[in-house]
Every structure is written in C-alpha cells, then in structure tokens.
C-alpha cells in the first residue's frame, strides 16, 4: 500500500511540475505575442506613411528629382548668413 501511495505522489508531482512549466512557457509566449503585435502595429503605420503619395514626392524632391516637364533652377552665389 505504501508503494502505491509513493507512486501516486510521484506521478502527481511530475504532473504538477509539467503544469508549472507549461504555465511559465505560456506567459513567455504571451509576452512575445504582445511584443510582436506592437511591432506589427508600428510597421503598419510606417508603411502607410511611406506609401503615401505626399511622402514619396517629398523624398523625390529631397533627392533632387523633378517631374517631367518641370523647369529645374540652380541658385548659386548666395551670401552666407
């Protein structure tokens, strides 16, 4: 009878240890999912900003590009402030 009791206690302790391990892993996974959701949200906002026609045009202007048919002017010889 004592042997059966020891075996049952051993089995319950093993199951309890696995349950605690699974619970800890679940908490880590949940934290990782939240971090990835935040990163996804940030990347989606960044994509929306970068894909807008206004942003594309501003970046092209910053790089010195002009539209077809526009006249480009170069101003030189300005006094230093």
C-alpha atoms as a PDB file:
ATOM      1  CA  UNK A   1       0.000   0.000   0.000  1.00  0.00           C
ATOM      2  CA  UNK A   2       2.846   2.341   0.845  1.00  0.00           C
ATOM      3  CA  UNK A   3       4.469   1.652  -2.533  1.00  0.00           C
ATOM      4  CA  UNK A   4       1.255   2.573  -4.347  1.00  0.00           C
ATOM      5  CA  UNK A   5       0.990   5.812  -2.360  1.00  0.00           C
ATOM      6  CA  UNK A   6       4.612   6.738  -3.186  1.00  0.00           C
ATOM      7  CA  UNK A   7       3.992   6.010  -6.877  1.00  0.00           C
ATOM      8  CA  UNK A   8       0.845   8.179  -6.895  1.00  0.00           C
ATOM      9  CA  UNK A   9       2.614  11.058  -5.153  1.00  0.00           C
ATOM     10  CA  UNK A  10       5.469  10.774  -7.640  1.00  0.00           C
ATOM     11  CA  UNK A  11       3.058  10.890 -10.590  1.00  0.00           C
ATOM     12  CA  UNK A  12       1.167  13.878  -9.172  1.00  0.00           C
ATOM     13  CA  UNK A  13       4.387  15.783  -8.506  1.00  0.00           C
ATOM     14  CA  UNK A  14       5.584  15.112 -12.046  1.00  0.00           C
ATOM     15  CA  UNK A  15       2.294  16.317 -13.487  1.00  0.00           C
ATOM     16  CA  UNK A  16       2.389  19.411 -11.271  1.00  0.00           C
ATOM     17  CA  UNK A  17       5.921  20.238 -12.406  1.00  0.00           C
ATOM     18  CA  UNK A  18       4.894  19.916 -16.058  1.00  0.00           C
ATOM     19  CA  UNK A  19       1.848  22.109 -15.376  1.00  0.00           C
ATOM     20  CA  UNK A  20       4.007  24.846 -13.838  1.00  0.00           C
ATOM     21  CA  UNK A  21       6.468  24.584 -16.715  1.00  0.00           C
ATOM     22  CA  UNK A  22       3.655  24.917 -19.249  1.00  0.00           C
ATOM     23  CA  UNK A  23       2.216  27.896 -17.380  1.00  0.00           C
ATOM     24  CA  UNK A  24       5.582  29.695 -17.434  1.00  0.00           C
ATOM     25  CA  UNK A  25       6.028  28.952 -21.117  1.00  0.00           C
ATOM     26  CA  UNK A  26       2.539  30.284 -21.793  1.00  0.00           C
ATOM     27  CA  UNK A  27       3.378  33.550 -20.038  1.00  0.00           C
ATOM     28  CA  UNK A  28       6.586  33.932 -22.093  1.00  0.00           C
ATOM     29  CA  UNK A  29       4.717  33.202 -25.323  1.00  0.00           C
ATOM     30  CA  UNK A  30       2.003  35.722 -24.435  1.00  0.00           C
ATOM     31  CA  UNK A  31       4.635  38.402 -23.791  1.00  0.00           C
ATOM     32  CA  UNK A  32       6.320  37.614 -27.098  1.00  0.00           C
ATOM     33  CA  UNK A  33       2.989  37.808 -28.954  1.00  0.00           C
ATOM     34  CA  UNK A  34       2.282  41.223 -27.413  1.00  0.00           C
ATOM     35  CA  UNK A  35       5.722  42.494 -28.437  1.00  0.00           C
ATOM     36  CA  UNK A  36       5.220  41.232 -31.985  1.00  0.00           C
ATOM     37  CA  UNK A  37       1.763  42.838 -32.161  1.00  0.00           C
ATOM     38  CA  UNK A  38       3.268  46.187 -31.095  1.00  0.00           C
ATOM     39  CA  UNK A  39       5.994  45.818 -33.719  1.00  0.00           C
ATOM     40  CA  UNK A  40       3.388  44.911 -36.350  1.00  0.00           C
ATOM     41  CA  UNK A  41       1.346  48.000 -35.483  1.00  0.00           C
ATOM     42  CA  UNK A  42       4.432  50.227 -35.737  1.00  0.00           C
ATOM     43  CA  UNK A  43       5.446  48.720 -39.079  1.00  0.00           C
ATOM     44  CA  UNK A  44       1.928  49.115 -40.488  1.00  0.00           C
ATOM     45  CA  UNK A  45       1.905  52.815 -39.530  1.00  0.00           C
ATOM     46  CA  UNK A  46       5.351  53.236 -41.058  1.00  0.00           C
ATOM     47  CA  UNK A  47       4.216  51.514 -44.245  1.00  0.00           C
ATOM     48  CA  UNK A  48       1.146  53.735 -44.521  1.00  0.00           C
ATOM     49  CA  UNK A  49       3.295  56.838 -44.080  1.00  0.00           C
ATOM     50  CA  UNK A  50       5.957  55.776 -46.562  1.00  0.00           C
ATOM     51  CA  UNK A  51       3.447  54.606 -49.177  1.00  0.00           C
ATOM     52  CA  UNK A  52       1.521  57.882 -49.246  1.00  0.00           C
ATOM     53  CA  UNK A  53       1.990  59.925 -52.445  1.00  0.00           C
ATOM     54  CA  UNK A  54       2.943  63.000 -50.427  1.00  0.00           C
ATOM     55  CA  UNK A  55       5.833  61.217 -48.717  1.00  0.00           C
ATOM     56  CA  UNK A  56       7.050  59.740 -51.994  1.00  0.00           C
ATOM     57  CA  UNK A  57       7.004  63.171 -53.630  1.00  0.00           C
ATOM     58  CA  UNK A  58       8.789  64.827 -50.694  1.00  0.00           C
ATOM     59  CA  UNK A  59      11.533  62.188 -50.747  1.00  0.00           C
ATOM     60  CA  UNK A  60      11.944  62.564 -54.517  1.00  0.00           C
ATOM     61  CA  UNK A  61      12.252  66.362 -54.133  1.00  0.00           C
ATOM     62  CA  UNK A  62      14.784  65.920 -51.347  1.00  0.00           C
ATOM     63  CA  UNK A  63      16.860  63.750 -53.702  1.00  0.00           C
ATOM     64  CA  UNK A  64      16.725  66.473 -56.370  1.00  0.00           C
ATOM     65  CA  UNK A  65      14.255  64.799 -58.715  1.00  0.00           C
ATOM     66  CA  UNK A  66      11.822  66.793 -60.815  1.00  0.00           C
ATOM     67  CA  UNK A  67       8.650  65.897 -62.639  1.00  0.00           C
ATOM     68  CA  UNK A  68       8.640  65.561 -66.412  1.00  0.00           C
ATOM     69  CA  UNK A  69       8.043  68.964 -67.964  1.00  0.00           C
ATOM     70  CA  UNK A  70       9.185  70.974 -64.921  1.00  0.00           C
ATOM     71  CA  UNK A  71      11.988  73.503 -65.210  1.00  0.00           C
ATOM     72  CA  UNK A  72      14.807  72.999 -62.710  1.00  0.00           C
ATOM     73  CA  UNK A  73      16.618  76.059 -61.358  1.00  0.00           C
ATOM     74  CA  UNK A  74      20.003  76.118 -59.657  1.00  0.00           C
ATOM     75  CA  UNK A  75      20.612  79.126 -57.449  1.00  0.00           C
ATOM     76  CA  UNK A  76      24.252  79.865 -56.667  1.00  0.00           C
ATOM     77  CA  UNK A  77      26.321  82.718 -55.293  1.00  0.00           C
ATOM     78  CA  UNK A  78      24.092  83.498 -52.330  1.00  0.00           C
ATOM     79  CA  UNK A  79      25.733  85.312 -49.432  1.00  0.00           C
ATOM     80  CA  UNK A  80      26.424  83.276 -46.304  1.00  0.00           C
ATOM     81  CA  UNK A  81      24.304  84.091 -43.286  1.00  0.00           C
END
